[in-house]
Amino acid sequence: MSGSEETEDRKEQYQAAVVQKEAISALLRSQGWDILRAVAKGQIELLQQQVMLVPLKDLDHALEQEFNKGHAMGVAAFLKIPESMLEEAEAIIASLSGSEEDNE
């Protein structure tokens, strides 16, 4: 890859990261995200209560509780995705910002 191609590739990565950061930041500030997060947290709480407060009856019920634990963990992980994407974009911007300033 030539120097100009590499510079162009880094510039595209930088611009894509800026766009991603702006989009994810807007999502996290939106009323829709607040509503979705509240619903997801309510779902997590319900699933955890089903696991913690209901005594085991039999093996099938134990398996159902394990499923509910995994479901709650999956919903919790889903809520972390935008923050992870934002951190990734910020890291890319930070790593490429010096080279972008050099190329201007």
N, C-alpha and C. Protein backbone atom coordinates (compact mmCIF):
# COMPACT_ATOMS: atom_id res chain seq x y z
N MET A 1 0.85 -1.17 0.00
CA MET A 1 0.00 0.00 0.00
C MET A 1 0.90 1.23 0.00
N SER A 2 0.64 2.17 -0.89
CA SER A 2 1.46 3.36 -0.99
C SER A 2 1.10 4.33 0.15
N GLY A 3 1.96 5.31 0.34
CA GLY A 3 1.75 6.29 1.41
C GLY A 3 0.46 7.06 1.26
N SER A 4 0.12 7.43 0.01
CA SER A 4 -1.11 8.19 -0.19
C SER A 4 -2.35 7.33 0.04
N GLU A 5 -2.26 6.05 -0.34
CA GLU A 5 -3.39 5.14 -0.08
C GLU A 5 -3.57 4.92 1.41
N GLU A 6 -2.46 4.78 2.13
CA GLU A 6 -2.52 4.59 3.58
C GLU A 6 -3.10 5.83 4.25
N THR A 7 -2.68 7.00 3.80
CA THR A 7 -3.19 8.25 4.35
C THR A 7 -4.69 8.37 4.09
N GLU A 8 -5.10 8.02 2.89
CA GLU A 8 -6.53 8.08 2.54
C GLU A 8 -7.33 7.08 3.38
N ASP A 9 -6.78 5.89 3.60
CA ASP A 9 -7.45 4.88 4.41
C ASP A 9 -7.61 5.36 5.85
N ARG A 10 -6.56 5.96 6.39
CA ARG A 10 -6.63 6.47 7.76
C ARG A 10 -7.64 7.61 7.87
N LYS A 11 -7.69 8.44 6.83
CA LYS A 11 -8.64 9.55 6.82
C LYS A 11 -10.08 9.02 6.80
N GLU A 12 -10.32 7.97 6.01
CA GLU A 12 -11.66 7.36 5.96
C GLU A 12 -12.02 6.72 7.30
N GLN A 13 -11.06 6.04 7.93
CA GLN A 13 -11.30 5.45 9.26
C GLN A 13 -11.64 6.53 10.28
N TYR A 14 -10.90 7.62 10.23
CA TYR A 14 -11.12 8.73 11.15
C TYR A 14 -12.52 9.32 10.95
N GLN A 15 -12.88 9.57 9.69
CA GLN A 15 -14.20 10.14 9.40
C GLN A 15 -15.32 9.19 9.80
N ALA A 16 -15.15 7.89 9.56
CA ALA A 16 -16.15 6.91 9.96
C ALA A 16 -16.31 6.87 11.48
N ALA A 17 -15.20 6.98 12.19
CA ALA A 17 -15.25 6.98 13.65
C ALA A 17 -15.95 8.22 14.17
N VAL A 18 -15.72 9.36 13.55
CA VAL A 18 -16.39 10.60 13.95
C VAL A 18 -17.90 10.47 13.74
N VAL A 19 -18.30 9.93 12.59
CA VAL A 19 -19.72 9.74 12.30
C VAL A 19 -20.34 8.78 13.31
N GLN A 20 -19.63 7.67 13.60
CA GLN A 20 -20.14 6.70 14.57
C GLN A 20 -20.27 7.34 15.95
N LYS A 21 -19.27 8.11 16.35
CA LYS A 21 -19.33 8.76 17.67
C LYS A 21 -20.52 9.71 17.75
N GLU A 22 -20.74 10.50 16.72
CA GLU A 22 -21.86 11.44 16.72
C GLU A 22 -23.20 10.71 16.76
N ALA A 23 -23.32 9.64 15.98
CA ALA A 23 -24.57 8.89 15.92
C ALA A 23 -24.87 8.20 17.25
N ILE A 24 -23.87 7.56 17.83
CA ILE A 24 -24.08 6.86 19.09
C ILE A 24 -24.33 7.86 20.22
N SER A 25 -23.63 8.98 20.21
CA SER A 25 -23.86 10.01 21.22
C SER A 25 -25.30 10.53 21.13
N ALA A 26 -25.77 10.74 19.92
CA ALA A 26 -27.15 11.19 19.73
C ALA A 26 -28.14 10.14 20.23
N LEU A 27 -27.85 8.88 19.95
CA LEU A 27 -28.71 7.80 20.44
C LEU A 27 -28.79 7.81 21.96
N LEU A 28 -27.64 7.91 22.61
CA LEU A 28 -27.61 7.85 24.08
C LEU A 28 -28.28 9.07 24.72
N ARG A 29 -28.36 10.18 24.00
CA ARG A 29 -29.04 11.37 24.51
C ARG A 29 -30.53 11.38 24.21
N SER A 30 -31.00 10.45 23.38
CA SER A 30 -32.38 10.49 22.91
C SER A 30 -33.38 9.97 23.93
N GLN A 31 -34.58 10.47 23.83
CA GLN A 31 -35.67 10.02 24.68
C GLN A 31 -36.00 8.55 24.39
N GLY A 32 -35.88 8.16 23.14
CA GLY A 32 -36.15 6.77 22.77
C GLY A 32 -35.21 5.81 23.48
N TRP A 33 -33.91 6.17 23.59
CA TRP A 33 -32.96 5.32 24.31
C TRP A 33 -33.32 5.25 25.79
N ASP A 34 -33.74 6.38 26.36
CA ASP A 34 -34.14 6.39 27.77
C ASP A 34 -35.30 5.43 28.00
N ILE A 35 -36.27 5.44 27.09
CA ILE A 35 -37.43 4.54 27.22
C ILE A 35 -36.99 3.09 27.05
N LEU A 36 -36.20 2.81 26.03
CA LEU A 36 -35.74 1.44 25.78
C LEU A 36 -34.92 0.93 26.96
N ARG A 37 -34.04 1.77 27.50
CA ARG A 37 -33.22 1.37 28.65
C ARG A 37 -34.10 1.06 29.86
N ALA A 38 -35.12 1.88 30.10
CA ALA A 38 -36.02 1.64 31.23
C ALA A 38 -36.78 0.32 31.06
N VAL A 39 -37.24 0.05 29.85
CA VAL A 39 -37.95 -1.20 29.59
C VAL A 39 -37.01 -2.39 29.78
N ALA A 40 -35.80 -2.28 29.26
CA ALA A 40 -34.83 -3.37 29.38
C ALA A 40 -34.47 -3.62 30.83
N LYS A 41 -34.27 -2.55 31.61
CA LYS A 41 -33.95 -2.72 33.02
C LYS A 41 -35.11 -3.36 33.77
N GLY A 42 -36.33 -3.00 33.40
CA GLY A 42 -37.50 -3.64 34.00
C GLY A 42 -37.55 -5.12 33.67
N GLN A 43 -37.20 -5.46 32.44
CA GLN A 43 -37.16 -6.86 32.02
C GLN A 43 -36.11 -7.63 32.80
N ILE A 44 -34.95 -7.02 32.97
CA ILE A 44 -33.88 -7.66 33.74
C ILE A 44 -34.34 -7.91 35.17
N GLU A 45 -34.95 -6.92 35.77
CA GLU A 45 -35.43 -7.06 37.15
C GLU A 45 -36.47 -8.17 37.26
N LEU A 46 -37.39 -8.23 36.33
CA LEU A 46 -38.41 -9.28 36.33
C LEU A 46 -37.78 -10.66 36.21
N LEU A 47 -36.85 -10.80 35.29
CA LEU A 47 -36.18 -12.09 35.10
C LEU A 47 -35.39 -12.49 36.35
N GLN A 48 -34.72 -11.52 36.97
CA GLN A 48 -33.95 -11.82 38.17
C GLN A 48 -34.88 -12.23 39.32
N GLN A 49 -36.02 -11.59 39.43
CA GLN A 49 -36.98 -11.95 40.47
C GLN A 49 -37.51 -13.36 40.24
N GLN A 50 -37.75 -13.71 38.99
CA GLN A 50 -38.22 -15.06 38.69
C GLN A 50 -37.19 -16.11 39.10
N VAL A 51 -35.93 -15.75 39.04
CA VAL A 51 -34.87 -16.68 39.42
C VAL A 51 -34.68 -16.69 40.93
N MET A 52 -34.62 -15.52 41.54
CA MET A 52 -34.27 -15.41 42.95
C MET A 52 -35.43 -15.72 43.91
N LEU A 53 -36.63 -15.36 43.53
CA LEU A 53 -37.73 -15.44 44.49
C LEU A 53 -38.62 -16.67 44.35
N VAL A 54 -38.45 -17.42 43.29
CA VAL A 54 -39.30 -18.58 43.07
C VAL A 54 -38.50 -19.84 43.41
N PRO A 55 -38.96 -20.60 44.39
CA PRO A 55 -38.22 -21.82 44.75
C PRO A 55 -38.28 -22.87 43.64
N LEU A 56 -37.21 -23.65 43.57
CA LEU A 56 -37.15 -24.71 42.57
C LEU A 56 -38.15 -25.81 42.89
N LYS A 57 -38.80 -26.29 41.83
CA LYS A 57 -39.77 -27.38 41.98
C LYS A 57 -39.20 -28.69 41.46
N ASP A 58 -38.52 -28.60 40.32
CA ASP A 58 -37.99 -29.81 39.70
C ASP A 58 -36.88 -29.42 38.72
N LEU A 59 -36.35 -30.40 38.03
CA LEU A 59 -35.26 -30.16 37.09
C LEU A 59 -35.67 -29.23 35.96
N ASP A 60 -36.87 -29.39 35.43
CA ASP A 60 -37.34 -28.51 34.36
C ASP A 60 -37.36 -27.06 34.82
N HIS A 61 -37.78 -26.84 36.04
CA HIS A 61 -37.82 -25.48 36.58
C HIS A 61 -36.41 -24.93 36.75
N ALA A 62 -35.47 -25.79 37.15
CA ALA A 62 -34.08 -25.36 37.27
C ALA A 62 -33.54 -24.92 35.92
N LEU A 63 -33.87 -25.68 34.89
CA LEU A 63 -33.42 -25.31 33.54
C LEU A 63 -34.07 -24.00 33.09
N GLU A 64 -35.32 -23.80 33.42
CA GLU A 64 -36.00 -22.55 33.09
C GLU A 64 -35.33 -21.38 33.80
N GLN A 65 -34.94 -21.57 35.05
CA GLN A 65 -34.25 -20.50 35.77
C GLN A 65 -32.90 -20.18 35.14
N GLU A 66 -32.19 -21.20 34.71
CA GLU A 66 -30.91 -20.97 34.04
C GLU A 66 -31.11 -20.19 32.73
N PHE A 67 -32.17 -20.54 32.02
CA PHE A 67 -32.50 -19.81 30.79
C PHE A 67 -32.76 -18.34 31.13
N ASN A 68 -33.54 -18.10 32.19
CA ASN A 68 -33.86 -16.72 32.58
C ASN A 68 -32.62 -15.95 33.01
N LYS A 69 -31.68 -16.62 33.67
CA LYS A 69 -30.42 -15.97 34.02
C LYS A 69 -29.69 -15.51 32.76
N GLY A 70 -29.60 -16.39 31.79
CA GLY A 70 -28.93 -16.06 30.54
C GLY A 70 -29.64 -14.95 29.79
N HIS A 71 -30.97 -15.00 29.82
CA HIS A 71 -31.77 -13.96 29.17
C HIS A 71 -31.47 -12.61 29.81
N ALA A 72 -31.46 -12.55 31.14
CA ALA A 72 -31.18 -11.30 31.84
C ALA A 72 -29.78 -10.79 31.51
N MET A 73 -28.81 -11.70 31.45
CA MET A 73 -27.44 -11.30 31.11
C MET A 73 -27.36 -10.77 29.69
N GLY A 74 -28.12 -11.37 28.78
CA GLY A 74 -28.14 -10.91 27.40
C GLY A 74 -28.72 -9.52 27.26
N VAL A 75 -29.80 -9.26 27.98
CA VAL A 75 -30.42 -7.93 27.94
C VAL A 75 -29.45 -6.90 28.54
N ALA A 76 -28.79 -7.25 29.64
CA ALA A 76 -27.82 -6.34 30.25
C ALA A 76 -26.66 -6.06 29.28
N ALA A 77 -26.20 -7.09 28.58
CA ALA A 77 -25.13 -6.90 27.61
C ALA A 77 -25.58 -5.99 26.47
N PHE A 78 -26.82 -6.15 26.04
CA PHE A 78 -27.38 -5.31 24.98
C PHE A 78 -27.31 -3.84 25.37
N LEU A 79 -27.58 -3.54 26.63
CA LEU A 79 -27.57 -2.15 27.08
C LEU A 79 -26.17 -1.54 27.05
N LYS A 80 -25.15 -2.37 27.06
CA LYS A 80 -23.76 -1.88 27.06
C LYS A 80 -23.21 -1.67 25.65
N ILE A 81 -23.89 -2.16 24.64
CA ILE A 81 -23.38 -2.07 23.27
C ILE A 81 -23.11 -0.64 22.83
N PRO A 82 -24.07 0.30 22.98
CA PRO A 82 -23.79 1.66 22.51
C PRO A 82 -22.58 2.29 23.21
N GLU A 83 -22.45 2.08 24.51
CA GLU A 83 -21.30 2.65 25.22
C GLU A 83 -19.99 2.06 24.71
N SER A 84 -19.99 0.77 24.42
CA SER A 84 -18.79 0.13 23.86
C SER A 84 -18.46 0.70 22.49
N MET A 85 -19.49 0.89 21.68
CA MET A 85 -19.26 1.46 20.34
C MET A 85 -18.73 2.88 20.44
N LEU A 86 -19.25 3.65 21.39
CA LEU A 86 -18.79 5.02 21.60
C LEU A 86 -17.33 5.02 22.03
N GLU A 87 -16.97 4.16 22.98
CA GLU A 87 -15.59 4.06 23.43
C GLU A 87 -14.65 3.66 22.29
N GLU A 88 -15.11 2.73 21.47
CA GLU A 88 -14.30 2.30 20.32
C GLU A 88 -14.06 3.45 19.35
N ALA A 89 -15.13 4.20 19.05
CA ALA A 89 -14.99 5.34 18.14
C ALA A 89 -14.05 6.38 18.72
N GLU A 90 -14.18 6.65 20.01
CA GLU A 90 -13.31 7.64 20.65
C GLU A 90 -11.85 7.18 20.63
N ALA A 91 -11.63 5.89 20.82
CA ALA A 91 -10.25 5.36 20.77
C ALA A 91 -9.67 5.49 19.37
N ILE A 92 -10.47 5.21 18.35
CA ILE A 92 -10.00 5.35 16.97
C ILE A 92 -9.68 6.80 16.67
N ILE A 93 -10.57 7.70 17.09
CA ILE A 93 -10.35 9.13 16.86
C ILE A 93 -9.07 9.58 17.55
N ALA A 94 -8.87 9.14 18.79
CA ALA A 94 -7.67 9.53 19.53
C ALA A 94 -6.41 9.00 18.86
N SER A 95 -6.48 7.76 18.39
CA SER A 95 -5.27 7.16 17.78
C SER A 95 -4.96 7.77 16.42
N LEU A 96 -5.97 8.24 15.72
CA LEU A 96 -5.75 8.78 14.38
C LEU A 96 -5.71 10.31 14.36
N SER A 97 -6.09 10.96 15.44
CA SER A 97 -6.18 12.43 15.40
C SER A 97 -4.81 13.07 15.21
N GLY A 98 -3.78 12.51 15.77
CA GLY A 98 -2.44 13.05 15.55
C GLY A 98 -2.04 12.99 14.10
N SER A 99 -2.33 11.87 13.45
CA SER A 99 -1.96 11.74 12.03
C SER A 99 -2.84 12.61 11.15
N GLU A 100 -4.09 12.85 11.57
CA GLU A 100 -4.96 13.73 10.79
C GLU A 100 -4.44 15.16 10.86
N GLU A 101 -3.98 15.58 12.04
CA GLU A 101 -3.45 16.93 12.18
C GLU A 101 -2.16 17.07 11.37
N ASP A 102 -1.35 16.03 11.33
CA ASP A 102 -0.11 16.05 10.56
C ASP A 102 -0.36 16.18 9.07
N ASN A 103 -1.49 15.59 8.61
CA ASN A 103 -1.78 15.56 7.16
C ASN A 103 -2.48 16.82 6.68
N GLU A 104 -2.88 17.68 7.58
CA GLU A 104 -3.63 18.88 7.15
C GLU A 104 -2.70 20.00 6.77
